[in-house]
């Protein structure tokens, strides 16, 4: 596989260049963060306070750091090209600073194409209040920023067909509820084998590890040489 990526939007250099930089390390307790549309005010939300602010003494994690601070180094724009042993190929592009939240997936096969569009939110309101029941508002809870989910099947020689998707309850289309039930609830049969084990978790890391190595070297990387599962 081969990957390219870089820090395009966030970080102190880009922030100064675009006039977005603010002189604060974290938003909590910082007057400089007031009015910054990129700042996350944890104290405004009981849920965010409980998850992050009140737990800082335990883990030292600051959820509300300045995205245009000098310590930001992670790539915010990346492209990945993967060739699998089966001959299948994957192209992936991440834009971490996109003005909408969601993803598009397309599967091209021998009988046509399957397209999935998931819009968690269509846009973000400046200084949006975060005092809701969820740390991030999705779907109907996001009010006028709510997006949509569409699944289209395009077979050869046929008109495109929209496939109706059942509305899942809870975050990530109902996936969070199922995951928590599998972890902490009563075990139920899983004929689709959706629950991941340790090996599945290791496999999920391989592409990312190889992408990071490709970023460093500028060369293609054989994933099996990094982690053979």
Protein backbone atom coordinates (compact mmCIF):
# COMPACT_ATOMS: atom_id res chain seq x y z
CA UNK A 1 0.00 0.00 0.00
CA UNK A 2 1.00 3.63 -0.49
CA UNK A 3 -0.11 6.78 1.31
CA UNK A 4 0.41 10.52 1.28
CA UNK A 5 -0.70 12.98 3.94
CA UNK A 6 0.09 16.22 5.64
CA UNK A 7 -0.98 18.94 8.06
CA UNK A 8 -2.89 21.36 5.86
CA UNK A 9 -5.51 23.15 7.95
CA UNK A 10 -4.77 22.77 11.68
CA UNK A 11 -1.61 23.59 13.63
CA UNK A 12 0.01 26.91 14.51
CA UNK A 13 1.57 27.65 11.11
CA UNK A 14 -1.65 27.16 9.16
CA UNK A 15 -3.64 28.91 11.87
CA UNK A 16 -1.50 32.03 11.70
CA UNK A 17 -1.54 31.99 7.91
CA UNK A 18 -5.35 31.97 7.85
CA UNK A 19 -5.84 34.31 10.80
CA UNK A 20 -7.45 31.56 12.91
CA UNK A 21 -4.81 31.17 15.62
CA UNK A 22 -5.70 32.13 19.21
CA UNK A 23 -3.23 32.41 22.13
CA UNK A 24 -4.48 29.64 24.43
CA UNK A 25 -3.47 26.07 25.19
CA UNK A 26 -6.93 24.83 26.11
CA UNK A 27 -10.38 26.39 26.06
CA UNK A 28 -11.37 25.69 29.68
CA UNK A 29 -10.76 28.77 31.81
CA UNK A 30 -9.16 30.72 28.96
CA UNK A 31 -10.60 34.15 28.03
CA UNK A 32 -8.79 33.92 24.67
CA UNK A 33 -11.02 30.99 23.71
CA UNK A 34 -14.22 33.00 24.07
CA UNK A 35 -15.80 33.57 20.66
CA UNK A 36 -13.51 31.02 18.97
CA UNK A 37 -15.77 28.81 16.81
CA UNK A 38 -13.17 26.02 16.98
CA UNK A 39 -13.08 25.97 20.79
CA UNK A 40 -14.82 23.22 22.76
CA UNK A 41 -16.24 24.48 26.09
CA UNK A 42 -16.52 21.36 28.21
CA UNK A 43 -18.07 23.10 31.22
CA UNK A 44 -21.14 24.02 29.14
CA UNK A 45 -22.17 20.38 28.89
CA UNK A 46 -22.89 18.07 31.84
CA UNK A 47 -22.03 15.06 29.68
CA UNK A 48 -18.72 16.45 28.42
CA UNK A 49 -17.85 17.57 31.95
CA UNK A 50 -18.47 14.08 33.31
CA UNK A 51 -16.62 12.32 30.49
CA UNK A 52 -13.58 14.58 30.26
CA UNK A 53 -13.35 17.56 32.60
CA UNK A 54 -14.11 15.69 35.82
CA UNK A 55 -11.84 12.79 34.80
CA UNK A 56 -8.71 14.83 34.08
CA UNK A 57 -7.26 14.03 37.49
CA UNK A 58 -7.44 10.36 36.57
CA UNK A 59 -6.03 10.32 33.04
CA UNK A 60 -4.55 13.80 32.43
CA UNK A 61 -6.36 14.08 29.10
CA UNK A 62 -7.41 17.58 27.95
CA UNK A 63 -10.21 17.18 25.42
CA UNK A 64 -10.41 20.92 24.63
CA UNK A 65 -6.90 21.74 23.45
CA UNK A 66 -6.31 24.46 20.86
CA UNK A 67 -6.45 22.87 17.37
CA UNK A 68 -4.20 25.65 16.11
CA UNK A 69 -1.63 25.19 18.86
CA UNK A 70 2.10 24.50 18.24
CA UNK A 71 1.83 20.89 19.41
CA UNK A 72 -0.52 19.82 16.60
CA UNK A 73 1.37 17.50 14.23
CA UNK A 74 -1.08 14.78 13.13
CA UNK A 75 -1.99 14.77 9.44
CA UNK A 76 -5.41 16.29 8.77
CA UNK A 77 -5.52 15.39 5.07
CA UNK A 78 -4.49 12.00 3.73
CA UNK A 79 -4.92 9.68 0.78
CA UNK A 80 -4.32 5.91 0.89
CA UNK A 81 -4.10 3.32 -1.91
CA UNK A 82 -4.29 -0.35 -0.89
CA UNK A 83 -3.93 -3.52 -2.97
CA UNK A 84 -5.12 -6.68 -1.22
CA UNK A 85 -3.78 -10.19 -1.80
CA UNK A 86 -7.12 -11.13 -3.38
CA UNK A 87 -6.59 -8.51 -6.09
CA UNK A 88 -9.19 -6.10 -4.67
CA UNK A 89 -8.13 -2.48 -4.33
CA UNK A 90 -9.15 0.30 -1.95
CA UNK A 91 -8.81 4.06 -2.23
CA UNK A 92 -9.40 6.19 0.87
CA UNK A 93 -9.32 9.92 1.47
CA UNK A 94 -9.70 11.63 4.84
CA UNK A 95 -10.38 15.35 5.26
CA UNK A 96 -10.34 16.01 9.01
CA UNK A 97 -11.32 19.68 8.62
CA UNK A 98 -14.38 19.08 6.42
CA UNK A 99 -17.34 21.42 7.14
CA UNK A 100 -19.70 18.41 7.36
CA UNK A 101 -19.52 15.15 9.30
CA UNK A 102 -20.03 11.86 7.53
CA UNK A 103 -18.68 9.61 4.82
CA UNK A 104 -19.26 8.16 1.38
CA UNK A 105 -18.48 4.55 0.51
CA UNK A 106 -18.72 2.89 -2.91
CA UNK A 107 -18.21 -0.78 -3.74
CA UNK A 108 -17.52 -1.60 -7.39
CA UNK A 109 -17.94 -5.26 -8.30
CA UNK A 110 -18.59 -7.66 -11.14
CA UNK A 111 -22.36 -7.03 -11.06
CA UNK A 112 -22.43 -3.26 -10.54
CA UNK A 113 -21.93 -0.67 -7.83
CA UNK A 114 -23.25 -0.13 -4.28
CA UNK A 115 -23.11 3.40 -2.86
CA UNK A 116 -23.63 4.49 0.75
CA UNK A 117 -23.91 8.09 1.92
CA UNK A 118 -24.01 8.85 5.64
CA UNK A 119 -24.38 12.45 6.76
CA UNK A 120 -24.13 12.71 10.53
CA UNK A 121 -24.45 16.49 10.24
CA UNK A 122 -24.62 18.71 7.18
CA UNK A 123 -22.95 21.71 8.83
CA UNK A 124 -21.80 23.02 12.20
CA UNK A 125 -23.37 26.08 13.76
CA UNK A 126 -20.78 28.57 15.11
CA UNK A 127 -20.64 28.48 18.92
CA UNK A 128 -23.19 25.65 18.95
CA UNK A 129 -24.34 24.89 22.50
CA UNK A 130 -23.10 21.57 23.86
CA UNK A 131 -25.50 21.19 26.77
CA UNK A 132 -27.53 18.34 25.27
CA UNK A 133 -27.79 14.78 26.52
CA UNK A 134 -25.11 13.55 24.09
CA UNK A 135 -21.51 14.80 23.75
CA UNK A 136 -22.05 15.02 19.99
CA UNK A 137 -25.46 15.54 18.42
CA UNK A 138 -26.27 13.26 15.50
CA UNK A 139 -29.28 12.52 13.37
CA UNK A 140 -32.62 13.93 14.50
CA UNK A 141 -31.03 15.29 17.69
CA UNK A 142 -28.90 17.64 15.57
CA UNK A 143 -32.00 19.67 14.57
CA UNK A 144 -31.43 21.69 11.39
CA UNK A 145 -27.90 20.35 10.95
CA UNK A 146 -29.16 16.76 10.74
CA UNK A 147 -28.12 14.82 7.66
CA UNK A 148 -29.37 11.74 5.91
CA UNK A 149 -28.47 8.16 5.06
CA UNK A 150 -28.87 6.81 1.53
CA UNK A 151 -28.03 3.42 0.04
CA UNK A 152 -28.13 3.02 -3.76
CA UNK A 153 -27.70 -0.12 -5.85
CA UNK A 154 -26.59 0.33 -9.46
CA UNK A 155 -26.62 -2.98 -11.33
CA UNK A 156 -25.49 -3.27 -14.91
CA UNK A 157 -28.26 -2.49 -17.40
CA UNK A 158 -30.73 -1.47 -14.67
CA UNK A 159 -31.99 1.80 -13.28
CA UNK A 160 -30.42 2.79 -9.93
CA UNK A 161 -32.46 1.53 -6.98
CA UNK A 162 -32.70 3.18 -3.57
CA UNK A 163 -32.62 0.65 -0.74
CA UNK A 164 -34.55 1.64 2.37
CA UNK A 165 -32.53 1.46 5.55
CA UNK A 166 -34.10 0.92 8.98
CA UNK A 167 -33.51 3.78 11.39
CA UNK A 168 -31.26 2.63 14.21
CA UNK A 169 -31.66 3.92 17.75
CA UNK A 170 -28.71 5.61 19.41
CA UNK A 171 -25.37 6.77 18.06
CA UNK A 172 -23.74 5.57 14.85
CA UNK A 173 -26.95 4.27 13.35
CA UNK A 174 -27.66 2.01 16.28
CA UNK A 175 -24.16 0.54 16.34
CA UNK A 176 -23.35 1.95 19.78
CA UNK A 177 -26.34 0.23 21.36
CA UNK A 178 -25.37 -3.12 19.85
CA UNK A 179 -21.73 -2.73 20.85
CA UNK A 180 -22.56 -1.87 24.48
CA UNK A 181 -25.04 -4.72 24.65
CA UNK A 182 -22.38 -7.14 23.37
CA UNK A 183 -19.81 -5.85 25.89
CA UNK A 184 -21.91 -5.42 29.00
CA UNK A 185 -25.34 -6.92 28.32
CA UNK A 186 -26.76 -10.35 27.74
CA UNK A 187 -25.02 -12.26 24.98
CA UNK A 188 -27.23 -12.90 21.98
CA UNK A 189 -26.48 -14.96 18.84
CA UNK A 190 -24.60 -12.97 16.18
CA UNK A 191 -25.12 -14.79 12.85
CA UNK A 192 -23.53 -11.87 10.95
CA UNK A 193 -20.37 -12.09 13.10
CA UNK A 194 -20.38 -8.36 13.78
CA UNK A 195 -18.61 -8.63 17.13
CA UNK A 196 -14.82 -8.21 16.79
CA UNK A 197 -12.22 -10.25 18.64
CA UNK A 198 -8.58 -9.40 19.35
CA UNK A 199 -7.42 -10.62 15.95
CA UNK A 200 -10.00 -8.43 14.20
CA UNK A 201 -8.76 -5.50 16.25
CA UNK A 202 -5.18 -6.17 15.17
CA UNK A 203 -6.23 -6.41 11.53
CA UNK A 204 -8.01 -3.07 11.82
CA UNK A 205 -4.69 -1.45 12.74
CA UNK A 206 -2.65 -2.79 9.83
CA UNK A 207 -3.68 -0.28 7.16
CA UNK A 208 -3.15 2.67 9.48
CA UNK A 209 0.27 1.43 10.57
CA UNK A 210 1.32 0.92 6.98
CA UNK A 211 0.00 4.36 6.01
CA UNK A 212 2.08 5.99 8.74
CA UNK A 213 5.18 4.14 7.58
CA UNK A 214 4.49 5.24 4.00
CA UNK A 215 4.15 8.85 5.21
CA UNK A 216 7.59 8.55 6.80
CA UNK A 217 9.42 6.87 3.92
CA UNK A 218 7.52 8.13 0.89
CA UNK A 219 7.52 4.53 -0.40
CA UNK A 220 5.00 1.69 -0.77
CA UNK A 221 4.77 -0.61 2.27
CA UNK A 222 3.89 -4.29 2.59
CA UNK A 223 1.46 -4.45 5.50
CA UNK A 224 2.41 -8.04 6.35
CA UNK A 225 5.93 -6.90 7.15
CA UNK A 226 4.58 -4.62 9.89
CA UNK A 227 1.99 -6.91 11.46
CA UNK A 228 1.35 -10.47 10.37
CA UNK A 229 -1.96 -11.67 11.79
